[in-house]
PDB file of N, CA and C in Angstrom:
ATOM      1  N   VAL A   1      -4.286 -11.516   4.803  1.00  0.00           N
ATOM      2  CA  VAL A   1      -4.794 -11.507   3.433  1.00  0.00           C
ATOM      3  C   VAL A   1      -3.717 -12.034   2.492  1.00  0.00           C
ATOM      4  N   GLN A   2      -4.113 -12.927   1.608  1.00  0.00           N
ATOM      5  CA  GLN A   2      -3.210 -13.418   0.563  1.00  0.00           C
ATOM      6  C   GLN A   2      -3.842 -13.158  -0.795  1.00  0.00           C
ATOM      7  N   LEU A   3      -3.005 -12.739  -1.738  1.00  0.00           N
ATOM      8  CA  LEU A   3      -3.483 -12.431  -3.080  1.00  0.00           C
ATOM      9  C   LEU A   3      -2.859 -13.401  -4.076  1.00  0.00           C
ATOM     10  N   GLN A   4      -3.681 -13.922  -4.944  1.00  0.00           N
ATOM     11  CA  GLN A   4      -3.211 -14.855  -5.974  1.00  0.00           C
ATOM     12  C   GLN A   4      -3.549 -14.276  -7.330  1.00  0.00           C
ATOM     13  N   ALA A   5      -2.515 -13.912  -8.069  1.00  0.00           N
ATOM     14  CA  ALA A   5      -2.712 -13.342  -9.405  1.00  0.00           C
ATOM     15  C   ALA A   5      -2.515 -14.404 -10.463  1.00  0.00           C
ATOM     16  N   SER A   6      -3.221 -14.237 -11.564  1.00  0.00           N
ATOM     17  CA  SER A   6      -3.097 -15.161 -12.683  1.00  0.00           C
ATOM     18  C   SER A   6      -3.450 -14.441 -13.973  1.00  0.00           C
ATOM     19  N   GLY A   7      -3.159 -15.100 -15.087  1.00  0.00           N
ATOM     20  CA  GLY A   7      -3.555 -14.559 -16.375  1.00  0.00           C
ATOM     21  C   GLY A   7      -2.429 -13.987 -17.200  1.00  0.00           C
ATOM     22  N   GLY A   8      -1.244 -13.898 -16.627  1.00  0.00           N
ATOM     23  CA  GLY A   8      -0.119 -13.398 -17.398  1.00  0.00           C
ATOM     24  C   GLY A   8       0.316 -14.412 -18.448  1.00  0.00           C
ATOM     25  N   GLY A   9       1.234 -13.972 -19.307  1.00  0.00           N
ATOM     26  CA  GLY A   9       1.738 -14.870 -20.328  1.00  0.00           C
ATOM     27  C   GLY A   9       2.425 -14.117 -21.436  1.00  0.00           C
ATOM     28  N   LEU A  10       2.642 -14.843 -22.526  1.00  0.00           N
ATOM     29  CA  LEU A  10       3.296 -14.282 -23.704  1.00  0.00           C
ATOM     30  C   LEU A  10       2.238 -14.003 -24.766  1.00  0.00           C
ATOM     31  N   VAL A  11       2.264 -12.804 -25.301  1.00  0.00           N
ATOM     32  CA  VAL A  11       1.275 -12.416 -26.298  1.00  0.00           C
ATOM     33  C   VAL A  11       1.965 -11.550 -27.351  1.00  0.00           C
ATOM     34  N   GLN A  12       1.444 -11.567 -28.556  1.00  0.00           N
ATOM     35  CA  GLN A  12       2.013 -10.741 -29.611  1.00  0.00           C
ATOM     36  C   GLN A  12       1.476  -9.311 -29.526  1.00  0.00           C
ATOM     37  N   VAL A  13       2.200  -8.419 -30.157  1.00  0.00           N
ATOM     38  CA  VAL A  13       1.764  -7.025 -30.207  1.00  0.00           C
ATOM     39  C   VAL A  13       0.337  -6.945 -30.738  1.00  0.00           C
ATOM     40  N   GLY A  14      -0.460  -6.145 -30.067  1.00  0.00           N
ATOM     41  CA  GLY A  14      -1.859  -6.001 -30.458  1.00  0.00           C
ATOM     42  C   GLY A  14      -2.794  -6.993 -29.815  1.00  0.00           C
ATOM     43  N   GLY A  15      -2.242  -7.956 -29.121  1.00  0.00           N
ATOM     44  CA  GLY A  15      -3.061  -8.968 -28.483  1.00  0.00           C
ATOM     45  C   GLY A  15      -3.661  -8.504 -27.165  1.00  0.00           C
ATOM     46  N   SER A  16      -4.348  -9.422 -26.514  1.00  0.00           N
ATOM     47  CA  SER A  16      -5.034  -9.112 -25.261  1.00  0.00           C
ATOM     48  C   SER A  16      -4.735 -10.160 -24.200  1.00  0.00           C
ATOM     49  N   LEU A  17      -4.787  -9.719 -22.980  1.00  0.00           N
ATOM     50  CA  LEU A  17      -4.702 -10.597 -21.826  1.00  0.00           C
ATOM     51  C   LEU A  17      -5.648 -10.067 -20.750  1.00  0.00           C
ATOM     52  N   ARG A  18      -6.108 -10.972 -19.912  1.00  0.00           N
ATOM     53  CA  ARG A  18      -6.926 -10.564 -18.771  1.00  0.00           C
ATOM     54  C   ARG A  18      -6.290 -11.097 -17.501  1.00  0.00           C
ATOM     55  N   LEU A  19      -5.854 -10.213 -16.665  1.00  0.00           N
ATOM     56  CA  LEU A  19      -5.283 -10.599 -15.386  1.00  0.00           C
ATOM     57  C   LEU A  19      -6.386 -10.659 -14.333  1.00  0.00           C
ATOM     58  N   SER A  20      -6.242 -11.616 -13.438  1.00  0.00           N
ATOM     59  CA  SER A  20      -7.162 -11.752 -12.315  1.00  0.00           C
ATOM     60  C   SER A  20      -6.365 -11.830 -11.028  1.00  0.00           C
ATOM     61  N   CYS A  21      -6.949 -11.364  -9.976  1.00  0.00           N
ATOM     62  CA  CYS A  21      -6.299 -11.442  -8.668  1.00  0.00           C
ATOM     63  C   CYS A  21      -7.383 -11.661  -7.623  1.00  0.00           C
ATOM     64  N   THR A  22      -7.274 -12.786  -6.933  1.00  0.00           N
ATOM     65  CA  THR A  22      -8.269 -13.149  -5.937  1.00  0.00           C
ATOM     66  C   THR A  22      -7.644 -13.144  -4.555  1.00  0.00           C
ATOM     67  N   ALA A  23      -8.365 -12.559  -3.625  1.00  0.00           N
ATOM     68  CA  ALA A  23      -7.881 -12.454  -2.259  1.00  0.00           C
ATOM     69  C   ALA A  23      -8.537 -13.491  -1.372  1.00  0.00           C
ATOM     70  N   SER A  24      -7.779 -13.952  -0.410  1.00  0.00           N
ATOM     71  CA  SER A  24      -8.317 -14.843   0.611  1.00  0.00           C
ATOM     72  C   SER A  24      -7.921 -14.280   1.968  1.00  0.00           C
ATOM     73  N   GLY A  25      -8.729 -14.583   2.960  1.00  0.00           N
ATOM     74  CA  GLY A  25      -8.455 -14.058   4.286  1.00  0.00           C
ATOM     75  C   GLY A  25      -9.435 -12.959   4.642  1.00  0.00           C
ATOM     76  N   SER A  26      -9.017 -12.085   5.517  1.00  0.00           N
ATOM     77  CA  SER A  26      -9.884 -11.003   5.984  1.00  0.00           C
ATOM     78  C   SER A  26      -9.854  -9.858   4.977  1.00  0.00           C
ATOM     79  N   ILE A  27     -10.955  -9.709   4.253  1.00  0.00           N
ATOM     80  CA  ILE A  27     -11.035  -8.740   3.169  1.00  0.00           C
ATOM     81  C   ILE A  27     -11.903  -7.568   3.578  1.00  0.00           C
ATOM     82  N   PHE A  28     -11.430  -6.369   3.288  1.00  0.00           N
ATOM     83  CA  PHE A  28     -12.207  -5.165   3.513  1.00  0.00           C
ATOM     84  C   PHE A  28     -12.747  -4.710   2.166  1.00  0.00           C
ATOM     85  N   SER A  29     -14.051  -4.745   2.021  1.00  0.00           N
ATOM     86  CA  SER A  29     -14.642  -4.435   0.721  1.00  0.00           C
ATOM     87  C   SER A  29     -14.430  -2.989   0.313  1.00  0.00           C
ATOM     88  N   GLY A  30     -14.083  -2.145   1.261  1.00  0.00           N
ATOM     89  CA  GLY A  30     -13.866  -0.744   0.948  1.00  0.00           C
ATOM     90  C   GLY A  30     -12.468  -0.410   0.488  1.00  0.00           C
ATOM     91  N   ASP A  31     -11.621  -1.445   0.389  1.00  0.00           N
ATOM     92  CA  ASP A  31     -10.243  -1.234  -0.049  1.00  0.00           C
ATOM     93  C   ASP A  31     -10.176  -0.685  -1.459  1.00  0.00           C
ATOM     94  N   VAL A  32      -9.174   0.147  -1.692  1.00  0.00           N
ATOM     95  CA  VAL A  32      -8.792   0.465  -3.061  1.00  0.00           C
ATOM     96  C   VAL A  32      -8.039  -0.745  -3.598  1.00  0.00           C
ATOM     97  N   ARG A  33      -8.339  -1.139  -4.823  1.00  0.00           N
ATOM     98  CA  ARG A  33      -7.687  -2.302  -5.431  1.00  0.00           C
ATOM     99  C   ARG A  33      -7.095  -1.886  -6.767  1.00  0.00           C
ATOM    100  N   GLY A  34      -6.019  -2.533  -7.106  1.00  0.00           N
ATOM    101  CA  GLY A  34      -5.405  -2.122  -8.355  1.00  0.00           C
ATOM    102  C   GLY A  34      -4.260  -2.975  -8.797  1.00  0.00           C
ATOM    103  N   TRP A  35      -3.570  -2.439  -9.787  1.00  0.00           N
ATOM    104  CA  TRP A  35      -2.448  -3.132 -10.406  1.00  0.00           C
ATOM    105  C   TRP A  35      -1.272  -2.178 -10.584  1.00  0.00           C
ATOM    106  N   TYR A  36      -0.100  -2.679 -10.242  1.00  0.00           N
ATOM    107  CA  TYR A  36       1.148  -2.002 -10.523  1.00  0.00           C
ATOM    108  C   TYR A  36       1.940  -2.911 -11.464  1.00  0.00           C
ATOM    109  N   ARG A  37       2.992  -2.369 -12.031  1.00  0.00           N
ATOM    110  CA  ARG A  37       3.888  -3.188 -12.829  1.00  0.00           C
ATOM    111  C   ARG A  37       5.321  -2.721 -12.668  1.00  0.00           C
ATOM    112  N   GLN A  38       6.234  -3.639 -12.939  1.00  0.00           N
ATOM    113  CA  GLN A  38       7.655  -3.323 -12.889  1.00  0.00           C
ATOM    114  C   GLN A  38       8.333  -3.956 -14.081  1.00  0.00           C
ATOM    115  N   ALA A  39       8.843  -3.113 -14.950  1.00  0.00           N
ATOM    116  CA  ALA A  39       9.591  -3.586 -16.105  1.00  0.00           C
ATOM    117  C   ALA A  39      11.051  -3.773 -15.699  1.00  0.00           C
ATOM    118  N   PRO A  40      11.797  -4.588 -16.429  1.00  0.00           N
ATOM    119  CA  PRO A  40      13.202  -4.817 -16.098  1.00  0.00           C
ATOM    120  C   PRO A  40      13.985  -3.509 -16.021  1.00  0.00           C
ATOM    121  N   GLY A  41      14.692  -3.323 -14.915  1.00  0.00           N
ATOM    122  CA  GLY A  41      15.510  -2.142 -14.741  1.00  0.00           C
ATOM    123  C   GLY A  41      14.761  -0.877 -14.400  1.00  0.00           C
ATOM    124  N   LYS A  42      13.461  -0.984 -14.183  1.00  0.00           N
ATOM    125  CA  LYS A  42      12.645   0.194 -13.888  1.00  0.00           C
ATOM    126  C   LYS A  42      11.955   0.045 -12.538  1.00  0.00           C
ATOM    127  N   GLN A  43      11.450   1.169 -12.041  1.00  0.00           N
ATOM    128  CA  GLN A  43      10.735   1.140 -10.777  1.00  0.00           C
ATOM    129  C   GLN A  43       9.284   0.711 -11.010  1.00  0.00           C
ATOM    130  N   HIS A  44       8.649   0.359  -9.911  1.00  0.00           N
ATOM    131  CA  HIS A  44       7.227   0.054  -9.978  1.00  0.00           C
ATOM    132  C   HIS A  44       6.470   1.294 -10.453  1.00  0.00           C
ATOM    133  N   GLU A  45       5.421   1.051 -11.238  1.00  0.00           N
ATOM    134  CA  GLU A  45       4.551   2.152 -11.618  1.00  0.00           C
ATOM    135  C   GLU A  45       3.104   1.701 -11.504  1.00  0.00           C
ATOM    136  N   LEU A  46       2.267   2.671 -11.139  1.00  0.00           N
ATOM    137  CA  LEU A  46       0.852   2.380 -11.008  1.00  0.00           C
ATOM    138  C   LEU A  46       0.236   2.226 -12.389  1.00  0.00           C
ATOM    139  N   VAL A  47      -0.497   1.154 -12.598  1.00  0.00           N
ATOM    140  CA  VAL A  47      -1.172   0.924 -13.871  1.00  0.00           C
ATOM    141  C   VAL A  47      -2.636   1.344 -13.778  1.00  0.00           C
ATOM    142  N   ALA A  48      -3.320   0.859 -12.766  1.00  0.00           N
ATOM    143  CA  ALA A  48      -4.739   1.171 -12.622  1.00  0.00           C
ATOM    144  C   ALA A  48      -5.181   0.945 -11.185  1.00  0.00           C
ATOM    145  N   LEU A  49      -6.076   1.790 -10.732  1.00  0.00           N
ATOM    146  CA  LEU A  49      -6.671   1.651  -9.407  1.00  0.00           C
ATOM    147  C   LEU A  49      -8.182   1.785  -9.521  1.00  0.00           C
ATOM    148  N   MET A  50      -8.879   1.101  -8.632  1.00  0.00           N
ATOM    149  CA  MET A  50     -10.327   1.245  -8.570  1.00  0.00           C
ATOM    150  C   MET A  50     -10.762   1.347  -7.123  1.00  0.00           C
ATOM    151  N   GLY A  51     -11.489   2.383  -6.797  1.00  0.00           N
ATOM    152  CA  GLY A  51     -12.023   2.539  -5.464  1.00  0.00           C
ATOM    153  C   GLY A  51     -13.279   1.710  -5.270  1.00  0.00           C
ATOM    154  N   SER A  52     -13.721   1.631  -4.029  1.00  0.00           N
ATOM    155  CA  SER A  52     -14.928   0.863  -3.730  1.00  0.00           C
ATOM    156  C   SER A  52     -16.162   1.507  -4.345  1.00  0.00           C
ATOM    157  N   ASP A  53     -16.051   2.795  -4.691  1.00  0.00           N
ATOM    158  CA  ASP A  53     -17.167   3.500  -5.319  1.00  0.00           C
ATOM    159  C   ASP A  53     -17.146   3.387  -6.833  1.00  0.00           C
ATOM    160  N   GLY A  54     -16.188   2.631  -7.358  1.00  0.00           N
ATOM    161  CA  GLY A  54     -16.097   2.438  -8.797  1.00  0.00           C
ATOM    162  C   GLY A  54     -15.231   3.462  -9.510  1.00  0.00           C
ATOM    163  N   SER A  55     -14.716   4.423  -8.784  1.00  0.00           N
ATOM    164  CA  SER A  55     -13.834   5.408  -9.405  1.00  0.00           C
ATOM    165  C   SER A  55     -12.550   4.735  -9.860  1.00  0.00           C
ATOM    166  N   THR A  56     -11.982   5.233 -10.936  1.00  0.00           N
ATOM    167  CA  THR A  56     -10.786   4.611 -11.492  1.00  0.00           C
ATOM    168  C   THR A  56      -9.708   5.652 -11.772  1.00  0.00           C
ATOM    169  N   ASN A  57      -8.496   5.152 -11.821  1.00  0.00           N
ATOM    170  CA  ASN A  57      -7.338   5.979 -12.141  1.00  0.00           C
ATOM    171  C   ASN A  57      -6.395   5.116 -12.960  1.00  0.00           C
ATOM    172  N   TYR A  58      -5.950   5.644 -14.097  1.00  0.00           N
ATOM    173  CA  TYR A  58      -5.094   4.866 -14.991  1.00  0.00           C
ATOM    174  C   TYR A  58      -3.802   5.600 -15.310  1.00  0.00           C
ATOM    175  N   LEU A  59      -2.758   4.824 -15.534  1.00  0.00           N
ATOM    176  CA  LEU A  59      -1.530   5.336 -16.105  1.00  0.00           C
ATOM    177  C   LEU A  59      -1.860   5.883 -17.491  1.00  0.00           C
ATOM    178  N   ASP A  60      -1.320   7.050 -17.816  1.00  0.00           N
ATOM    179  CA  ASP A  60      -1.671   7.671 -19.092  1.00  0.00           C
ATOM    180  C   ASP A  60      -1.449   6.756 -20.282  1.00  0.00           C
ATOM    181  N   SER A  61      -0.368   6.012 -20.258  1.00  0.00           N
ATOM    182  CA  SER A  61      -0.007   5.207 -21.422  1.00  0.00           C
ATOM    183  C   SER A  61      -0.925   4.006 -21.639  1.00  0.00           C
ATOM    184  N   VAL A  62      -1.778   3.692 -20.676  1.00  0.00           N
ATOM    185  CA  VAL A  62      -2.680   2.545 -20.837  1.00  0.00           C
ATOM    186  C   VAL A  62      -4.134   2.969 -20.996  1.00  0.00           C
ATOM    187  N   LYS A  63      -4.396   4.256 -20.859  1.00  0.00           N
ATOM    188  CA  LYS A  63      -5.769   4.741 -20.993  1.00  0.00           C
ATOM    189  C   LYS A  63      -6.326   4.382 -22.368  1.00  0.00           C
ATOM    190  N   GLY A  64      -7.543   3.873 -22.370  1.00  0.00           N
ATOM    191  CA  GLY A  64      -8.181   3.458 -23.612  1.00  0.00           C
ATOM    192  C   GLY A  64      -7.827   2.054 -24.041  1.00  0.00           C
ATOM    193  N   ARG A  65      -6.826   1.453 -23.392  1.00  0.00           N
ATOM    194  CA  ARG A  65      -6.438   0.083 -23.749  1.00  0.00           C
ATOM    195  C   ARG A  65      -6.691  -0.897 -22.614  1.00  0.00           C
ATOM    196  N   PHE A  66      -6.510  -0.436 -21.385  1.00  0.00           N
ATOM    197  CA  PHE A  66      -6.677  -1.297 -20.206  1.00  0.00           C
ATOM    198  C   PHE A  66      -7.939  -0.895 -19.460  1.00  0.00           C
ATOM    199  N   THR A  67      -8.591  -1.897 -18.869  1.00  0.00           N
ATOM    200  CA  THR A  67      -9.775  -1.643 -18.056  1.00  0.00           C
ATOM    201  C   THR A  67      -9.682  -2.443 -16.769  1.00  0.00           C
ATOM    202  N   ILE A  68      -9.829  -1.752 -15.664  1.00  0.00           N
ATOM    203  CA  ILE A  68      -9.837  -2.421 -14.367  1.00  0.00           C
ATOM    204  C   ILE A  68     -11.277  -2.618 -13.920  1.00  0.00           C
ATOM    205  N   SER A  69     -11.524  -3.749 -13.278  1.00  0.00           N
ATOM    206  CA  SER A  69     -12.843  -4.002 -12.720  1.00  0.00           C
ATOM    207  C   SER A  69     -12.676  -4.830 -11.454  1.00  0.00           C
ATOM    208  N   ARG A  70     -13.721  -4.878 -10.664  1.00  0.00           N
ATOM    209  CA  ARG A  70     -13.643  -5.648  -9.429  1.00  0.00           C
ATOM    210  C   ARG A  70     -14.966  -6.337  -9.172  1.00  0.00           C
ATOM    211  N   ASP A  71     -14.891  -7.477  -8.524  1.00  0.00           N
ATOM    212  CA  ASP A  71     -16.064  -8.236  -8.116  1.00  0.00           C
ATOM    213  C   ASP A  71     -15.910  -8.474  -6.619  1.00  0.00           C
ATOM    214  N   ASN A  72     -16.582  -7.663  -5.840  1.00  0.00           N
ATOM    215  CA  ASN A  72     -16.424  -7.765  -4.387  1.00  0.00           C
ATOM    216  C   ASN A  72     -16.928  -9.102  -3.853  1.00  0.00           C
ATOM    217  N   ALA A  73     -17.951  -9.643  -4.469  1.00  0.00           N
ATOM    218  CA  ALA A  73     -18.497 -10.926  -4.004  1.00  0.00           C
ATOM    219  C   ALA A  73     -17.474 -12.047  -4.157  1.00  0.00           C
ATOM    220  N   LYS A  74     -16.604 -11.915  -5.157  1.00  0.00           N
ATOM    221  CA  LYS A  74     -15.575 -12.928  -5.394  1.00  0.00           C
ATOM    222  C   LYS A  74     -14.219 -12.491  -4.870  1.00  0.00           C
ATOM    223  N   ASN A  75     -14.162 -11.313  -4.230  1.00  0.00           N
ATOM    224  CA  ASN A  75     -12.879 -10.783  -3.729  1.00  0.00           C
ATOM    225  C   ASN A  75     -11.823 -10.785  -4.828  1.00  0.00           C
ATOM    226  N   THR A  76     -12.219 -10.343  -5.985  1.00  0.00           N
ATOM    227  CA  THR A  76     -11.350 -10.409  -7.152  1.00  0.00           C
ATOM    228  C   THR A  76     -11.288  -9.060  -7.859  1.00  0.00           C
ATOM    229  N   VAL A  77     -10.116  -8.750  -8.367  1.00  0.00           N
ATOM    230  CA  VAL A  77      -9.925  -7.584  -9.214  1.00  0.00           C
ATOM    231  C   VAL A  77      -9.341  -8.065 -10.533  1.00  0.00           C
ATOM    232  N   TYR A  78      -9.768  -7.425 -11.595  1.00  0.00           N
ATOM    233  CA  TYR A  78      -9.351  -7.825 -12.938  1.00  0.00           C
ATOM    234  C   TYR A  78      -8.652  -6.669 -13.643  1.00  0.00           C
ATOM    235  N   LEU A  79      -7.836  -7.032 -14.624  1.00  0.00           N
ATOM    236  CA  LEU A  79      -7.264  -6.032 -15.511  1.00  0.00           C
ATOM    237  C   LEU A  79      -7.347  -6.578 -16.927  1.00  0.00           C
ATOM    238  N   GLN A  80      -8.238  -6.022 -17.711  1.00  0.00           N
ATOM    239  CA  GLN A  80      -8.342  -6.381 -19.120  1.00  0.00           C
ATOM    240  C   GLN A  80      -7.379  -5.520 -19.900  1.00  0.00           C
ATOM    241  N   MET A  81      -6.469  -6.162 -20.607  1.00  0.00           N
ATOM    242  CA  MET A  81      -5.431  -5.444 -21.341  1.00  0.00           C
ATOM    243  C   MET A  81      -5.591  -5.736 -22.830  1.00  0.00           C
ATOM    244  N   ASN A  82      -5.881  -4.720 -23.582  1.00  0.00           N
ATOM    245  CA  ASN A  82      -6.043  -4.840 -25.030  1.00  0.00           C
ATOM    246  C   ASN A  82      -4.979  -4.031 -25.755  1.00  0.00           C
ATOM    247  N   SER A  83      -4.821  -4.324 -27.028  1.00  0.00           N
ATOM    248  CA  SER A  83      -3.853  -3.589 -27.867  1.00  0.00           C
ATOM    249  C   SER A  83      -2.498  -3.502 -27.184  1.00  0.00           C
ATOM    250  N   LEU A  84      -2.029  -4.635 -26.727  1.00  0.00           N
ATOM    251  CA  LEU A  84      -0.780  -4.667 -25.963  1.00  0.00           C
ATOM    252  C   LEU A  84       0.412  -4.262 -26.819  1.00  0.00           C
ATOM    253  N   LYS A  85       1.361  -3.603 -26.164  1.00  0.00           N
ATOM    254  CA  LYS A  85       2.570  -3.111 -26.813  1.00  0.00           C
ATOM    255  C   LYS A  85       3.793  -3.703 -26.126  1.00  0.00           C
ATOM    256  N   PRO A  86       4.926  -3.738 -26.800  1.00  0.00           N
ATOM    257  CA  PRO A  86       6.146  -4.265 -26.154  1.00  0.00           C
ATOM    258  C   PRO A  86       6.478  -3.542 -24.858  1.00  0.00           C
ATOM    259  N   GLU A  87       6.181  -2.262 -24.777  1.00  0.00           N
ATOM    260  CA  GLU A  87       6.481  -1.516 -23.556  1.00  0.00           C
ATOM    261  C   GLU A  87       5.560  -1.874 -22.394  1.00  0.00           C
ATOM    262  N   ASP A  88       4.558  -2.695 -22.629  1.00  0.00           N
ATOM    263  CA  ASP A  88       3.723  -3.207 -21.538  1.00  0.00           C
ATOM    264  C   ASP A  88       4.356  -4.417 -20.859  1.00  0.00           C
ATOM    265  N   THR A  89       5.441  -4.909 -21.413  1.00  0.00           N
ATOM    266  CA  THR A  89       6.121  -6.053 -20.828  1.00  0.00           C
ATOM    267  C   THR A  89       6.617  -5.712 -19.425  1.00  0.00           C
ATOM    268  N   ALA A  90       6.214  -6.514 -18.457  1.00  0.00           N
ATOM    269  CA  ALA A  90       6.556  -6.249 -17.060  1.00  0.00           C
ATOM    270  C   ALA A  90       5.995  -7.368 -16.190  1.00  0.00           C
ATOM    271  N   VAL A  91       6.400  -7.345 -14.948  1.00  0.00           N
ATOM    272  CA  VAL A  91       5.720  -8.153 -13.945  1.00  0.00           C
ATOM    273  C   VAL A  91       4.601  -7.289 -13.367  1.00  0.00           C
ATOM    274  N   TYR A  92       3.405  -7.831 -13.371  1.00  0.00           N
ATOM    275  CA  TYR A  92       2.237  -7.095 -12.894  1.00  0.00           C
ATOM    276  C   TYR A  92       1.859  -7.599 -11.509  1.00  0.00           C
ATOM    277  N   TYR A  93       1.635  -6.659 -10.613  1.00  0.00           N
ATOM    278  CA  TYR A  93       1.303  -6.968  -9.227  1.00  0.00           C
ATOM    279  C   TYR A  93      -0.078  -6.411  -8.899  1.00  0.00           C
ATOM    280  N   CYS A  94      -0.892  -7.239  -8.277  1.00  0.00           N
ATOM    281  CA  CYS A  94      -2.176  -6.732  -7.806  1.00  0.00           C
ATOM    282  C   CYS A  94      -2.021  -6.235  -6.376  1.00  0.00           C
ATOM    283  N   VAL A  95      -2.890  -5.317  -6.027  1.00  0.00           N
ATOM    284  CA  VAL A  95      -2.838  -4.700  -4.703  1.00  0.00           C
ATOM    285  C   VAL A  95      -4.259  -4.575  -4.167  1.00  0.00           C
ATOM    286  N   PHE A  96      -4.438  -4.996  -2.933  1.00  0.00           N
ATOM    287  CA  PHE A  96      -5.679  -4.771  -2.181  1.00  0.00           C
ATOM    288  C   PHE A  96      -5.280  -3.926  -0.971  1.00  0.00           C
ATOM    289  N   GLY A  97      -5.667  -2.680  -0.991  1.00  0.00           N
ATOM    290  CA  GLY A  97      -5.245  -1.812   0.105  1.00  0.00           C
ATOM    291  C   GLY A  97      -3.725  -1.712   0.133  1.00  0.00           C
ATOM    292  N   ARG A  98      -3.115  -2.229   1.202  1.00  0.00           N
ATOM    293  CA  ARG A  98      -1.658  -2.196   1.309  1.00  0.00           C
ATOM    294  C   ARG A  98      -1.020  -3.564   1.077  1.00  0.00           C
ATOM    295  N   THR A  99      -1.816  -4.539   0.705  1.00  0.00           N
ATOM    296  CA  THR A  99      -1.322  -5.901   0.494  1.00  0.00           C
ATOM    297  C   THR A  99      -1.032  -6.131  -0.981  1.00  0.00           C
ATOM    298  N   TRP A 100       0.169  -6.650  -1.244  1.00  0.00           N
ATOM    299  CA  TRP A 100       0.592  -6.908  -2.615  1.00  0.00           C
ATOM    300  C   TRP A 100       0.550  -8.410  -2.906  1.00  0.00           C
ATOM    301  N   GLY A 101       0.207  -8.747  -4.151  1.00  0.00           N
ATOM    302  CA  GLY A 101       0.281 -10.117  -4.619  1.00  0.00           C
ATOM    303  C   GLY A 101       1.696 -10.433  -5.089  1.00  0.00           C
ATOM    304  N   GLN A 102       1.864 -11.671  -5.571  1.00  0.00           N
ATOM    305  CA  GLN A 102       3.200 -12.150  -5.903  1.00  0.00           C
ATOM    306  C   GLN A 102       3.664 -11.740  -7.295  1.00  0.00           C
ATOM    307  N   GLY A 103       2.821 -11.248  -8.119  1.00  0.00           N
ATOM    308  CA  GLY A 103       3.229 -10.827  -9.454  1.00  0.00           C
ATOM    309  C   GLY A 103       2.996 -11.892 -10.502  1.00  0.00           C
ATOM    310  N   THR A 104       2.645 -11.417 -11.689  1.00  0.00           N
ATOM    311  CA  THR A 104       2.483 -12.315 -12.828  1.00  0.00           C
ATOM    312  C   THR A 104       3.149 -11.652 -14.028  1.00  0.00           C
ATOM    313  N   GLN A 105       3.909 -12.453 -14.780  1.00  0.00           N
ATOM    314  CA  GLN A 105       4.708 -11.904 -15.884  1.00  0.00           C
ATOM    315  C   GLN A 105       3.843 -11.723 -17.130  1.00  0.00           C
ATOM    316  N   VAL A 106       3.958 -10.556 -17.722  1.00  0.00           N
ATOM    317  CA  VAL A 106       3.335 -10.277 -19.024  1.00  0.00           C
ATOM    318  C   VAL A 106       4.454  -9.916 -19.984  1.00  0.00           C
ATOM    319  N   THR A 107       4.513 -10.653 -21.089  1.00  0.00           N
ATOM    320  CA  THR A 107       5.527 -10.404 -22.107  1.00  0.00           C
ATOM    321  C   THR A 107       4.836 -10.187 -23.442  1.00  0.00           C
ATOM    322  N   VAL A 108       5.123  -9.049 -24.049  1.00  0.00           N
ATOM    323  CA  VAL A 108       4.531  -8.716 -25.347  1.00  0.00           C
ATOM    324  C   VAL A 108       5.642  -8.751 -26.389  1.00  0.00           C
ATOM    325  N   SER A 109       5.504  -9.649 -27.340  1.00  0.00           N
ATOM    326  CA  SER A 109       6.541  -9.823 -28.355  1.00  0.00           C
ATOM    327  C   SER A 109       6.183  -9.058 -29.621  1.00  0.00           C
ATOM    328  N   SER A 110       7.217  -8.508 -30.235  1.00  0.00           N
ATOM    329  CA  SER A 110       6.990  -7.729 -31.467  1.00  0.00           C
ATOM    330  C   SER A 110       7.302  -8.560 -32.697  1.00  0.00           C
TER     331      SER A 110
END
């Protein structure tokens, strides 16, 4: 399985970005899919997860601002990020089960 993430970039405080991550290869539709992030000098942290049943789990600091969704037919998981803050600046990694993508940089400027 290979994961290709896209949608990162530079945005001003309060702006929005939508990250996408598409998988190729042998995909298990029952996988938990999600997003982690790593800010400079910090450890990875879970941002959002979505189970195959649609259940979700979010980092407290992003609740109400970020929304995770998935399209199993397209083998894609999304992360809609609204009301972005400087502390959201990080490299964001998508995850399908135990497989990690390469990361996409999100920078929020104040």
